[in-house]
């Protein structure tokens, strides 16, 4: 099943969570790509200090599937949301 490349976002209601500058959307319509919920997100969140952010998020109950790891290009960690989607957090 293919996901649509564009979606009409006019019915979505946004709400801001915390000071992170991330807008979360709720949509009363069925999710057209529900089969992808709980899979890997193709992107990354950038932060200045992966170790410090890891400690802060862990203390707030965020589940990490991979703790911070240093690489030649920088540092990264992988965390999950309540639906099981995985997100990369990285710095350089």
C-alpha atoms as a PDB file:
ATOM      1  CA  UNK A   1       0.000   0.000   0.000  1.00  0.00           C
ATOM      2  CA  UNK A   2       1.471   3.315  -1.066  1.00  0.00           C
ATOM      3  CA  UNK A   3       1.164   6.484   0.987  1.00  0.00           C
ATOM      4  CA  UNK A   4      -0.082   9.643  -0.709  1.00  0.00           C
ATOM      5  CA  UNK A   5       2.634  12.165  -1.476  1.00  0.00           C
ATOM      6  CA  UNK A   6       0.516  15.089  -0.303  1.00  0.00           C
ATOM      7  CA  UNK A   7      -2.263  15.466   2.204  1.00  0.00           C
ATOM      8  CA  UNK A   8      -4.805  18.178   2.843  1.00  0.00           C
ATOM      9  CA  UNK A   9      -3.818  19.583   6.239  1.00  0.00           C
ATOM     10  CA  UNK A  10      -6.663  22.092   6.478  1.00  0.00           C
ATOM     11  CA  UNK A  11      -8.625  20.041   9.062  1.00  0.00           C
ATOM     12  CA  UNK A  12      -5.680  19.517  11.383  1.00  0.00           C
ATOM     13  CA  UNK A  13      -5.485  21.211  14.752  1.00  0.00           C
ATOM     14  CA  UNK A  14      -2.006  22.107  15.950  1.00  0.00           C
ATOM     15  CA  UNK A  15      -0.749  22.409  19.483  1.00  0.00           C
ATOM     16  CA  UNK A  16       2.693  23.339  20.726  1.00  0.00           C
ATOM     17  CA  UNK A  17       4.388  21.077  23.266  1.00  0.00           C
ATOM     18  CA  UNK A  18       6.992  22.509  25.577  1.00  0.00           C
ATOM     19  CA  UNK A  19       9.683  24.908  24.426  1.00  0.00           C
ATOM     20  CA  UNK A  20      11.076  22.576  21.780  1.00  0.00           C
ATOM     21  CA  UNK A  21       9.486  24.380  18.869  1.00  0.00           C
ATOM     22  CA  UNK A  22       7.785  21.231  17.564  1.00  0.00           C
ATOM     23  CA  UNK A  23       4.200  21.451  16.392  1.00  0.00           C
ATOM     24  CA  UNK A  24       2.114  18.324  16.923  1.00  0.00           C
ATOM     25  CA  UNK A  25      -1.007  17.797  14.863  1.00  0.00           C
ATOM     26  CA  UNK A  26      -4.164  15.890  15.544  1.00  0.00           C
ATOM     27  CA  UNK A  27      -6.401  14.831  12.715  1.00  0.00           C
ATOM     28  CA  UNK A  28      -9.869  13.336  13.155  1.00  0.00           C
ATOM     29  CA  UNK A  29      -9.644  11.576   9.771  1.00  0.00           C
ATOM     30  CA  UNK A  30      -8.314   8.023   9.363  1.00  0.00           C
ATOM     31  CA  UNK A  31      -4.555   7.794   8.934  1.00  0.00           C
ATOM     32  CA  UNK A  32      -3.828   6.936   5.269  1.00  0.00           C
ATOM     33  CA  UNK A  33      -0.463   5.397   6.149  1.00  0.00           C
ATOM     34  CA  UNK A  34      -1.458   3.584   9.332  1.00  0.00           C
ATOM     35  CA  UNK A  35       0.677   0.607   8.265  1.00  0.00           C
ATOM     36  CA  UNK A  36       3.762   2.802   8.788  1.00  0.00           C
ATOM     37  CA  UNK A  37       2.989   3.713  12.413  1.00  0.00           C
ATOM     38  CA  UNK A  38       5.645   2.188  14.632  1.00  0.00           C
ATOM     39  CA  UNK A  39       8.374   2.262  11.987  1.00  0.00           C
ATOM     40  CA  UNK A  40      11.535   4.274  11.504  1.00  0.00           C
ATOM     41  CA  UNK A  41      11.325   8.013  10.731  1.00  0.00           C
ATOM     42  CA  UNK A  42      13.538   9.043   7.805  1.00  0.00           C
ATOM     43  CA  UNK A  43      15.057  12.143   9.361  1.00  0.00           C
ATOM     44  CA  UNK A  44      16.902  13.345  12.437  1.00  0.00           C
ATOM     45  CA  UNK A  45      16.552  15.887  15.207  1.00  0.00           C
ATOM     46  CA  UNK A  46      19.672  18.002  15.697  1.00  0.00           C
ATOM     47  CA  UNK A  47      20.844  19.085  19.128  1.00  0.00           C
ATOM     48  CA  UNK A  48      23.983  20.736  20.482  1.00  0.00           C
ATOM     49  CA  UNK A  49      24.825  18.070  23.070  1.00  0.00           C
ATOM     50  CA  UNK A  50      23.542  14.525  22.539  1.00  0.00           C
ATOM     51  CA  UNK A  51      24.730  13.304  25.960  1.00  0.00           C
ATOM     52  CA  UNK A  52      22.964  16.124  27.863  1.00  0.00           C
ATOM     53  CA  UNK A  53      19.777  15.815  25.800  1.00  0.00           C
ATOM     54  CA  UNK A  54      19.834  12.027  26.274  1.00  0.00           C
ATOM     55  CA  UNK A  55      20.033  12.480  30.063  1.00  0.00           C
ATOM     56  CA  UNK A  56      17.224  15.071  30.063  1.00  0.00           C
ATOM     57  CA  UNK A  57      14.882  13.008  27.891  1.00  0.00           C
ATOM     58  CA  UNK A  58      15.659   9.768  29.748  1.00  0.00           C
ATOM     59  CA  UNK A  59      14.812  11.480  33.042  1.00  0.00           C
ATOM     60  CA  UNK A  60      11.441  12.433  31.536  1.00  0.00           C
ATOM     61  CA  UNK A  61      10.690   8.836  30.581  1.00  0.00           C
ATOM     62  CA  UNK A  62      11.666   8.822  26.904  1.00  0.00           C
ATOM     63  CA  UNK A  63      12.710   5.310  25.850  1.00  0.00           C
ATOM     64  CA  UNK A  64      15.976   5.066  23.933  1.00  0.00           C
ATOM     65  CA  UNK A  65      16.646   2.033  21.757  1.00  0.00           C
ATOM     66  CA  UNK A  66      20.263   3.108  21.233  1.00  0.00           C
ATOM     67  CA  UNK A  67      22.183   5.207  23.750  1.00  0.00           C
ATOM     68  CA  UNK A  68      24.526   7.955  22.549  1.00  0.00           C
ATOM     69  CA  UNK A  69      27.295   6.698  20.308  1.00  0.00           C
ATOM     70  CA  UNK A  70      30.228   8.692  18.961  1.00  0.00           C
ATOM     71  CA  UNK A  71      31.087   8.467  15.282  1.00  0.00           C
ATOM     72  CA  UNK A  72      33.704  10.284  13.180  1.00  0.00           C
ATOM     73  CA  UNK A  73      30.987  12.668  11.915  1.00  0.00           C
ATOM     74  CA  UNK A  74      29.453  13.398  15.353  1.00  0.00           C
ATOM     75  CA  UNK A  75      27.284  11.686  17.940  1.00  0.00           C
ATOM     76  CA  UNK A  76      23.799  10.148  17.772  1.00  0.00           C
ATOM     77  CA  UNK A  77      21.159   8.276  19.768  1.00  0.00           C
ATOM     78  CA  UNK A  78      17.847   6.673  18.771  1.00  0.00           C
ATOM     79  CA  UNK A  79      14.622   7.081  20.765  1.00  0.00           C
ATOM     80  CA  UNK A  80      11.018   5.898  20.419  1.00  0.00           C
ATOM     81  CA  UNK A  81       7.672   7.609  20.706  1.00  0.00           C
ATOM     82  CA  UNK A  82       4.633   5.930  22.339  1.00  0.00           C
ATOM     83  CA  UNK A  83       3.640   4.391  18.970  1.00  0.00           C
ATOM     84  CA  UNK A  84       7.046   2.769  18.509  1.00  0.00           C
ATOM     85  CA  UNK A  85       8.301   5.164  15.828  1.00  0.00           C
ATOM     86  CA  UNK A  86      12.064   5.565  16.079  1.00  0.00           C
ATOM     87  CA  UNK A  87      13.845   8.905  15.747  1.00  0.00           C
ATOM     88  CA  UNK A  88      17.504   9.800  15.445  1.00  0.00           C
ATOM     89  CA  UNK A  89      18.920  12.595  17.577  1.00  0.00           C
ATOM     90  CA  UNK A  90      22.336  13.793  16.417  1.00  0.00           C
ATOM     91  CA  UNK A  91      24.995  16.457  16.701  1.00  0.00           C
ATOM     92  CA  UNK A  92      28.177  17.111  14.771  1.00  0.00           C
END
